[in-house]
Amino acid sequence: MIAAFLEAVSELALPCSLALVVPGVAATLAARFDPLAVSLSVLGGSATIGWLRITDQIPPRLSTWAAVGVGVLVVVSFGALFGRSVRPAQRVTAGAVVGGAAAAIWTPCVGEELGAILTDGPLDPLAVLLPFLAFSTGIGLVAIAVAFARAALELPERVERALSALSLGVGFLIALLLATGAYSEVVGRLVIWSL
């Protein structure tokens, strides 16, 4: 498990990992409250949907209408993260939706550890659960670090608001790319650049 975690950390700088890192960081920054809870829920959603994909429990590709639906869910989720009157459970759900959406279209950079997980996933889903969770945690580390930094820095309200608004824009862009089917193309190009 430690090897899977370290492999993910070493791949954070690779462009194909950005398909998970950028939505996680954007959701964490968009959250006006509880950024740590949001970053952890993004990790949870990403790990869950990612595991379901690699173990062939759900289809590896989204249909056109499913992509549109996921794009709409991502817009609603980022709106909820930005809202002031949103309850904590709604923020956690929104984070999980963002993480799950990112994992639904993620094309991984396959190193030795993840390669073994992907090979064994369809054959023995439970055996790869913990190693994949360790890998997902390595990828989610950036969003978690951003959440801790926000809590430690105690930025002025206008700076917090500006960060949230900027991240909301990134979230809407991600949703637009998902809804139009262009996100898969962007992720594919990132994977090619990673090689």
C-alpha atoms as a PDB file:
ATOM      1  CA  MET A   1       0.000   0.000   0.000  1.00  0.00           C
ATOM      2  CA  ILE A   2       2.800   2.413   0.803  1.00  0.00           C
ATOM      3  CA  ALA A   3       4.304   1.797  -2.635  1.00  0.00           C
ATOM      4  CA  ALA A   4       0.969   2.666  -4.304  1.00  0.00           C
ATOM      5  CA  PHE A   5       0.725   5.858  -2.235  1.00  0.00           C
ATOM      6  CA  LEU A   6       4.314   6.874  -3.099  1.00  0.00           C
ATOM      7  CA  GLU A   7       3.756   6.130  -6.784  1.00  0.00           C
ATOM      8  CA  ALA A   8       0.725   8.449  -6.788  1.00  0.00           C
ATOM      9  CA  VAL A   9       2.691  11.197  -5.032  1.00  0.00           C
ATOM     10  CA  SER A  10       5.501  10.871  -7.574  1.00  0.00           C
ATOM     11  CA  GLU A  11       2.964  11.222 -10.409  1.00  0.00           C
ATOM     12  CA  LEU A  12       1.297  14.390  -9.092  1.00  0.00           C
ATOM     13  CA  ALA A  13       3.375  16.516 -11.452  1.00  0.00           C
ATOM     14  CA  LEU A  14       2.380  14.464 -14.512  1.00  0.00           C
ATOM     15  CA  PRO A  15      -0.279  16.107 -16.671  1.00  0.00           C
ATOM     16  CA  CYS A  16      -2.587  13.063 -16.642  1.00  0.00           C
ATOM     17  CA  SER A  17      -2.863  13.310 -12.850  1.00  0.00           C
ATOM     18  CA  LEU A  18      -4.241  16.831 -13.227  1.00  0.00           C
ATOM     19  CA  ALA A  19      -7.612  15.334 -14.219  1.00  0.00           C
ATOM     20  CA  LEU A  20      -8.018  14.438 -10.529  1.00  0.00           C
ATOM     21  CA  VAL A  21      -5.854  17.084  -8.879  1.00  0.00           C
ATOM     22  CA  VAL A  22      -7.414  20.188 -10.491  1.00  0.00           C
ATOM     23  CA  PRO A  23     -11.066  19.353  -9.650  1.00  0.00           C
ATOM     24  CA  GLY A  24     -10.052  18.449  -6.077  1.00  0.00           C
ATOM     25  CA  VAL A  25      -8.161  21.679  -5.534  1.00  0.00           C
ATOM     26  CA  ALA A  26     -10.888  23.731  -7.236  1.00  0.00           C
ATOM     27  CA  ALA A  27     -13.587  22.192  -5.022  1.00  0.00           C
ATOM     28  CA  THR A  28     -11.468  22.757  -1.913  1.00  0.00           C
ATOM     29  CA  LEU A  29     -10.894  26.408  -2.807  1.00  0.00           C
ATOM     30  CA  ALA A  30     -14.511  26.958  -3.900  1.00  0.00           C
ATOM     31  CA  ALA A  31     -15.809  25.786  -0.519  1.00  0.00           C
ATOM     32  CA  ARG A  32     -16.584  28.853   1.537  1.00  0.00           C
ATOM     33  CA  PHE A  33     -16.663  26.677   4.673  1.00  0.00           C
ATOM     34  CA  ASP A  34     -15.172  23.334   5.771  1.00  0.00           C
ATOM     35  CA  PRO A  35     -12.484  23.034   3.072  1.00  0.00           C
ATOM     36  CA  LEU A  36     -10.921  20.001   4.792  1.00  0.00           C
ATOM     37  CA  ALA A  37     -14.243  18.144   4.849  1.00  0.00           C
ATOM     38  CA  VAL A  38     -14.719  19.016   1.183  1.00  0.00           C
ATOM     39  CA  SER A  39     -11.222  17.844   0.191  1.00  0.00           C
ATOM     40  CA  LEU A  40     -11.752  14.565   2.043  1.00  0.00           C
ATOM     41  CA  SER A  41     -15.141  14.061   0.413  1.00  0.00           C
ATOM     42  CA  VAL A  42     -13.594  14.732  -3.019  1.00  0.00           C
ATOM     43  CA  LEU A  43     -11.054  12.023  -2.177  1.00  0.00           C
ATOM     44  CA  GLY A  44     -13.856   9.683  -1.076  1.00  0.00           C
ATOM     45  CA  GLY A  45     -15.887  10.240  -4.235  1.00  0.00           C
ATOM     46  CA  SER A  46     -12.845   9.866  -6.436  1.00  0.00           C
ATOM     47  CA  ALA A  47     -11.666   6.684  -4.717  1.00  0.00           C
ATOM     48  CA  THR A  48     -15.137   5.121  -4.798  1.00  0.00           C
ATOM     49  CA  ILE A  49     -15.915   5.784  -8.457  1.00  0.00           C
ATOM     50  CA  GLY A  50     -12.321   5.024  -9.476  1.00  0.00           C
ATOM     51  CA  TRP A  51     -12.448   1.652  -7.684  1.00  0.00           C
ATOM     52  CA  LEU A  52     -15.813   0.839  -9.254  1.00  0.00           C
ATOM     53  CA  ARG A  53     -14.349   1.612 -12.692  1.00  0.00           C
ATOM     54  CA  ILE A  54     -11.143  -0.395 -12.326  1.00  0.00           C
ATOM     55  CA  THR A  55     -13.035  -3.409 -10.990  1.00  0.00           C
ATOM     56  CA  ASP A  56     -15.517  -3.282 -13.902  1.00  0.00           C
ATOM     57  CA  GLN A  57     -18.474  -2.551 -11.606  1.00  0.00           C
ATOM     58  CA  ILE A  58     -19.437   0.450 -13.741  1.00  0.00           C
ATOM     59  CA  PRO A  59     -18.692   1.192 -17.418  1.00  0.00           C
ATOM     60  CA  PRO A  60     -15.256   2.635 -18.163  1.00  0.00           C
ATOM     61  CA  ARG A  61     -16.722   5.378 -20.396  1.00  0.00           C
ATOM     62  CA  LEU A  62     -19.626   7.779 -19.951  1.00  0.00           C
ATOM     63  CA  SER A  63     -22.313   7.917 -22.629  1.00  0.00           C
ATOM     64  CA  THR A  64     -23.075  11.331 -24.110  1.00  0.00           C
ATOM     65  CA  TRP A  65     -26.174  11.837 -21.966  1.00  0.00           C
ATOM     66  CA  ALA A  66     -24.414  10.568 -18.852  1.00  0.00           C
ATOM     67  CA  ALA A  67     -21.616  13.094 -19.472  1.00  0.00           C
ATOM     68  CA  VAL A  68     -24.189  15.892 -19.771  1.00  0.00           C
ATOM     69  CA  GLY A  69     -25.836  14.730 -16.527  1.00  0.00           C
ATOM     70  CA  VAL A  70     -22.499  14.596 -14.729  1.00  0.00           C
ATOM     71  CA  GLY A  71     -21.666  18.081 -16.031  1.00  0.00           C
ATOM     72  CA  VAL A  72     -24.931  19.409 -14.595  1.00  0.00           C
ATOM     73  CA  LEU A  73     -24.216  17.709 -11.256  1.00  0.00           C
ATOM     74  CA  VAL A  74     -20.766  19.298 -11.171  1.00  0.00           C
ATOM     75  CA  VAL A  75     -22.251  22.783 -11.798  1.00  0.00           C
ATOM     76  CA  VAL A  76     -24.771  22.244  -8.990  1.00  0.00           C
ATOM     77  CA  SER A  77     -22.015  20.924  -6.725  1.00  0.00           C
ATOM     78  CA  PHE A  78     -19.715  23.892  -7.260  1.00  0.00           C
ATOM     79  CA  GLY A  79     -22.663  26.212  -6.712  1.00  0.00           C
ATOM     80  CA  ALA A  80     -23.359  24.450  -3.420  1.00  0.00           C
ATOM     81  CA  LEU A  81     -19.717  24.706  -2.360  1.00  0.00           C
ATOM     82  CA  PHE A  82     -19.744  28.431  -3.050  1.00  0.00           C
ATOM     83  CA  GLY A  83     -23.054  29.084  -1.276  1.00  0.00           C
ATOM     84  CA  ARG A  84     -23.127  30.449   2.257  1.00  0.00           C
ATOM     85  CA  SER A  85     -26.375  28.828   3.384  1.00  0.00           C
ATOM     86  CA  VAL A  86     -25.399  25.303   2.386  1.00  0.00           C
ATOM     87  CA  ARG A  87     -25.431  22.713   5.154  1.00  0.00           C
ATOM     88  CA  PRO A  88     -22.270  20.715   5.998  1.00  0.00           C
ATOM     89  CA  ALA A  89     -23.758  17.465   4.629  1.00  0.00           C
ATOM     90  CA  GLN A  90     -24.534  19.209   1.348  1.00  0.00           C
ATOM     91  CA  ARG A  91     -20.948  20.471   1.068  1.00  0.00           C
ATOM     92  CA  VAL A  92     -19.626  16.956   1.698  1.00  0.00           C
ATOM     93  CA  THR A  93     -22.015  15.543  -0.912  1.00  0.00           C
ATOM     94  CA  ALA A  94     -20.971  18.224  -3.402  1.00  0.00           C
ATOM     95  CA  GLY A  95     -17.301  17.369  -2.839  1.00  0.00           C
ATOM     96  CA  ALA A  96     -18.004  13.666  -3.349  1.00  0.00           C
ATOM     97  CA  VAL A  97     -19.831  14.436  -6.605  1.00  0.00           C
ATOM     98  CA  VAL A  98     -16.888  16.476  -7.898  1.00  0.00           C
ATOM     99  CA  GLY A  99     -14.421  13.707  -6.980  1.00  0.00           C
ATOM    100  CA  GLY A 100     -16.630  11.018  -8.472  1.00  0.00           C
ATOM    101  CA  ALA A 101     -17.093  12.993 -11.690  1.00  0.00           C
ATOM    102  CA  ALA A 102     -13.338  13.426 -12.060  1.00  0.00           C
ATOM    103  CA  ALA A 103     -12.730   9.712 -11.492  1.00  0.00           C
ATOM    104  CA  ALA A 104     -15.460   8.768 -13.963  1.00  0.00           C
ATOM    105  CA  ILE A 105     -13.420  10.151 -16.862  1.00  0.00           C
ATOM    106  CA  TRP A 106      -9.865   9.857 -15.480  1.00  0.00           C
ATOM    107  CA  THR A 107      -7.238   8.157 -17.644  1.00  0.00           C
ATOM    108  CA  PRO A 108      -4.418   7.210 -15.270  1.00  0.00           C
ATOM    109  CA  CYS A 109      -0.686   7.381 -15.774  1.00  0.00           C
ATOM    110  CA  VAL A 110       0.058   3.712 -15.225  1.00  0.00           C
ATOM    111  CA  GLY A 111       3.129   2.987 -13.162  1.00  0.00           C
ATOM    112  CA  GLU A 112       4.149  -0.384 -11.771  1.00  0.00           C
ATOM    113  CA  GLU A 113       1.886  -0.282  -8.704  1.00  0.00           C
ATOM    114  CA  LEU A 114      -1.194   1.111 -10.429  1.00  0.00           C
ATOM    115  CA  GLY A 115      -0.610  -1.285 -13.320  1.00  0.00           C
ATOM    116  CA  ALA A 116      -0.813  -4.200 -10.900  1.00  0.00           C
ATOM    117  CA  ILE A 117      -3.967  -2.740  -9.335  1.00  0.00           C
ATOM    118  CA  LEU A 118      -5.586  -2.289 -12.759  1.00  0.00           C
ATOM    119  CA  THR A 119      -4.658  -5.824 -13.800  1.00  0.00           C
ATOM    120  CA  ASP A 120      -5.948  -7.442 -10.613  1.00  0.00           C
ATOM    121  CA  GLY A 121      -9.010  -5.175 -10.183  1.00  0.00           C
ATOM    122  CA  PRO A 122     -11.489  -7.071 -12.359  1.00  0.00           C
ATOM    123  CA  LEU A 123     -10.275 -10.425 -11.011  1.00  0.00           C
ATOM    124  CA  ASP A 124     -10.279  -9.658  -7.282  1.00  0.00           C
ATOM    125  CA  PRO A 125     -11.971  -6.316  -6.473  1.00  0.00           C
ATOM    126  CA  LEU A 126     -11.531  -6.594  -2.705  1.00  0.00           C
ATOM    127  CA  ALA A 127      -7.815  -7.358  -2.963  1.00  0.00           C
ATOM    128  CA  VAL A 128      -7.165  -4.058  -4.744  1.00  0.00           C
ATOM    129  CA  LEU A 129      -9.424  -1.937  -2.545  1.00  0.00           C
ATOM    130  CA  LEU A 130      -6.805  -0.839   0.003  1.00  0.00           C
ATOM    131  CA  PRO A 131      -3.946  -0.361  -2.492  1.00  0.00           C
ATOM    132  CA  PHE A 132      -6.232   1.724  -4.703  1.00  0.00           C
ATOM    133  CA  LEU A 133      -7.380   3.746  -1.698  1.00  0.00           C
ATOM    134  CA  ALA A 134      -3.703   4.396  -0.869  1.00  0.00           C
ATOM    135  CA  PHE A 135      -3.090   5.482  -4.471  1.00  0.00           C
ATOM    136  CA  SER A 136      -6.150   7.757  -4.404  1.00  0.00           C
ATOM    137  CA  THR A 137      -4.973   9.295  -1.143  1.00  0.00           C
ATOM    138  CA  GLY A 138      -1.639  10.121  -2.782  1.00  0.00           C
ATOM    139  CA  ILE A 139      -3.444  11.903  -5.610  1.00  0.00           C
ATOM    140  CA  GLY A 140      -5.771  13.678  -3.142  1.00  0.00           C
ATOM    141  CA  LEU A 141      -2.853  14.945  -1.075  1.00  0.00           C
ATOM    142  CA  VAL A 142      -2.693  18.269  -2.925  1.00  0.00           C
ATOM    143  CA  ALA A 143      -6.326  19.155  -2.178  1.00  0.00           C
ATOM    144  CA  ILE A 144      -5.884  18.127   1.455  1.00  0.00           C
ATOM    145  CA  ALA A 145      -2.732  20.270   1.714  1.00  0.00           C
ATOM    146  CA  VAL A 146      -4.638  23.216   0.208  1.00  0.00           C
ATOM    147  CA  ALA A 147      -7.385  22.754   2.817  1.00  0.00           C
ATOM    148  CA  PHE A 148      -4.842  22.759   5.670  1.00  0.00           C
ATOM    149  CA  ALA A 149      -3.110  25.821   4.187  1.00  0.00           C
ATOM    150  CA  ARG A 150      -6.420  27.703   4.013  1.00  0.00           C
ATOM    151  CA  ALA A 151      -7.133  26.875   7.654  1.00  0.00           C
ATOM    152  CA  ALA A 152      -3.626  27.815   8.802  1.00  0.00           C
ATOM    153  CA  LEU A 153      -3.364  31.074   6.866  1.00  0.00           C
ATOM    154  CA  GLU A 154      -6.731  32.570   7.858  1.00  0.00           C
ATOM    155  CA  LEU A 155      -6.921  34.719   4.753  1.00  0.00           C
ATOM    156  CA  PRO A 156      -8.950  37.937   4.725  1.00  0.00           C
ATOM    157  CA  GLU A 157     -12.595  37.539   3.667  1.00  0.00           C
ATOM    158  CA  ARG A 158     -12.100  39.332   0.335  1.00  0.00           C
ATOM    159  CA  VAL A 159      -9.192  37.013  -0.574  1.00  0.00           C
ATOM    160  CA  GLU A 160     -11.250  33.946   0.438  1.00  0.00           C
ATOM    161  CA  ARG A 161     -14.135  35.216  -1.675  1.00  0.00           C
ATOM    162  CA  ALA A 162     -11.845  35.847  -4.668  1.00  0.00           C
ATOM    163  CA  LEU A 163     -10.317  32.342  -4.395  1.00  0.00           C
ATOM    164  CA  SER A 164     -13.776  30.823  -4.130  1.00  0.00           C
ATOM    165  CA  ALA A 165     -15.037  32.768  -7.149  1.00  0.00           C
ATOM    166  CA  LEU A 166     -11.999  31.814  -9.243  1.00  0.00           C
ATOM    167  CA  SER A 167     -12.422  28.164  -8.287  1.00  0.00           C
ATOM    168  CA  LEU A 168     -16.121  28.378  -9.058  1.00  0.00           C
ATOM    169  CA  GLY A 169     -15.139  29.471 -12.566  1.00  0.00           C
ATOM    170  CA  VAL A 170     -12.763  26.503 -12.870  1.00  0.00           C
ATOM    171  CA  GLY A 171     -15.573  24.220 -11.679  1.00  0.00           C
ATOM    172  CA  PHE A 172     -17.956  25.592 -14.295  1.00  0.00           C
ATOM    173  CA  LEU A 173     -15.286  25.111 -16.967  1.00  0.00           C
ATOM    174  CA  ILE A 174     -14.815  21.489 -15.870  1.00  0.00           C
ATOM    175  CA  ALA A 175     -18.591  20.995 -15.984  1.00  0.00           C
ATOM    176  CA  LEU A 176     -18.792  22.524 -19.472  1.00  0.00           C
ATOM    177  CA  LEU A 177     -15.990  20.283 -20.712  1.00  0.00           C
ATOM    178  CA  LEU A 178     -17.744  17.257 -19.185  1.00  0.00           C
ATOM    179  CA  ALA A 179     -21.147  18.136 -20.645  1.00  0.00           C
ATOM    180  CA  THR A 180     -19.745  18.687 -24.135  1.00  0.00           C
ATOM    181  CA  GLY A 181     -17.594  15.552 -24.060  1.00  0.00           C
ATOM    182  CA  ALA A 182     -14.439  17.642 -24.469  1.00  0.00           C
ATOM    183  CA  TYR A 183     -13.111  16.699 -21.017  1.00  0.00           C
ATOM    184  CA  SER A 184     -12.179  13.203 -22.208  1.00  0.00           C
ATOM    185  CA  GLU A 185     -10.269  14.751 -25.097  1.00  0.00           C
ATOM    186  CA  VAL A 186      -8.450  17.128 -22.740  1.00  0.00           C
ATOM    187  CA  VAL A 187      -7.597  14.230 -20.413  1.00  0.00           C
ATOM    188  CA  GLY A 188      -6.431  12.163 -23.398  1.00  0.00           C
ATOM    189  CA  ARG A 189      -4.104  14.943 -24.490  1.00  0.00           C
ATOM    190  CA  LEU A 190      -2.760  15.268 -20.945  1.00  0.00           C
ATOM    191  CA  VAL A 191      -2.017  11.536 -20.947  1.00  0.00           C
ATOM    192  CA  ILE A 192      -0.169  11.839 -24.279  1.00  0.00           C
ATOM    193  CA  TRP A 193       1.886  14.747 -22.912  1.00  0.00           C
ATOM    194  CA  SER A 194       2.724  12.611 -19.869  1.00  0.00           C
ATOM    195  CA  LEU A 195       4.348   9.898 -21.975  1.00  0.00           C
END
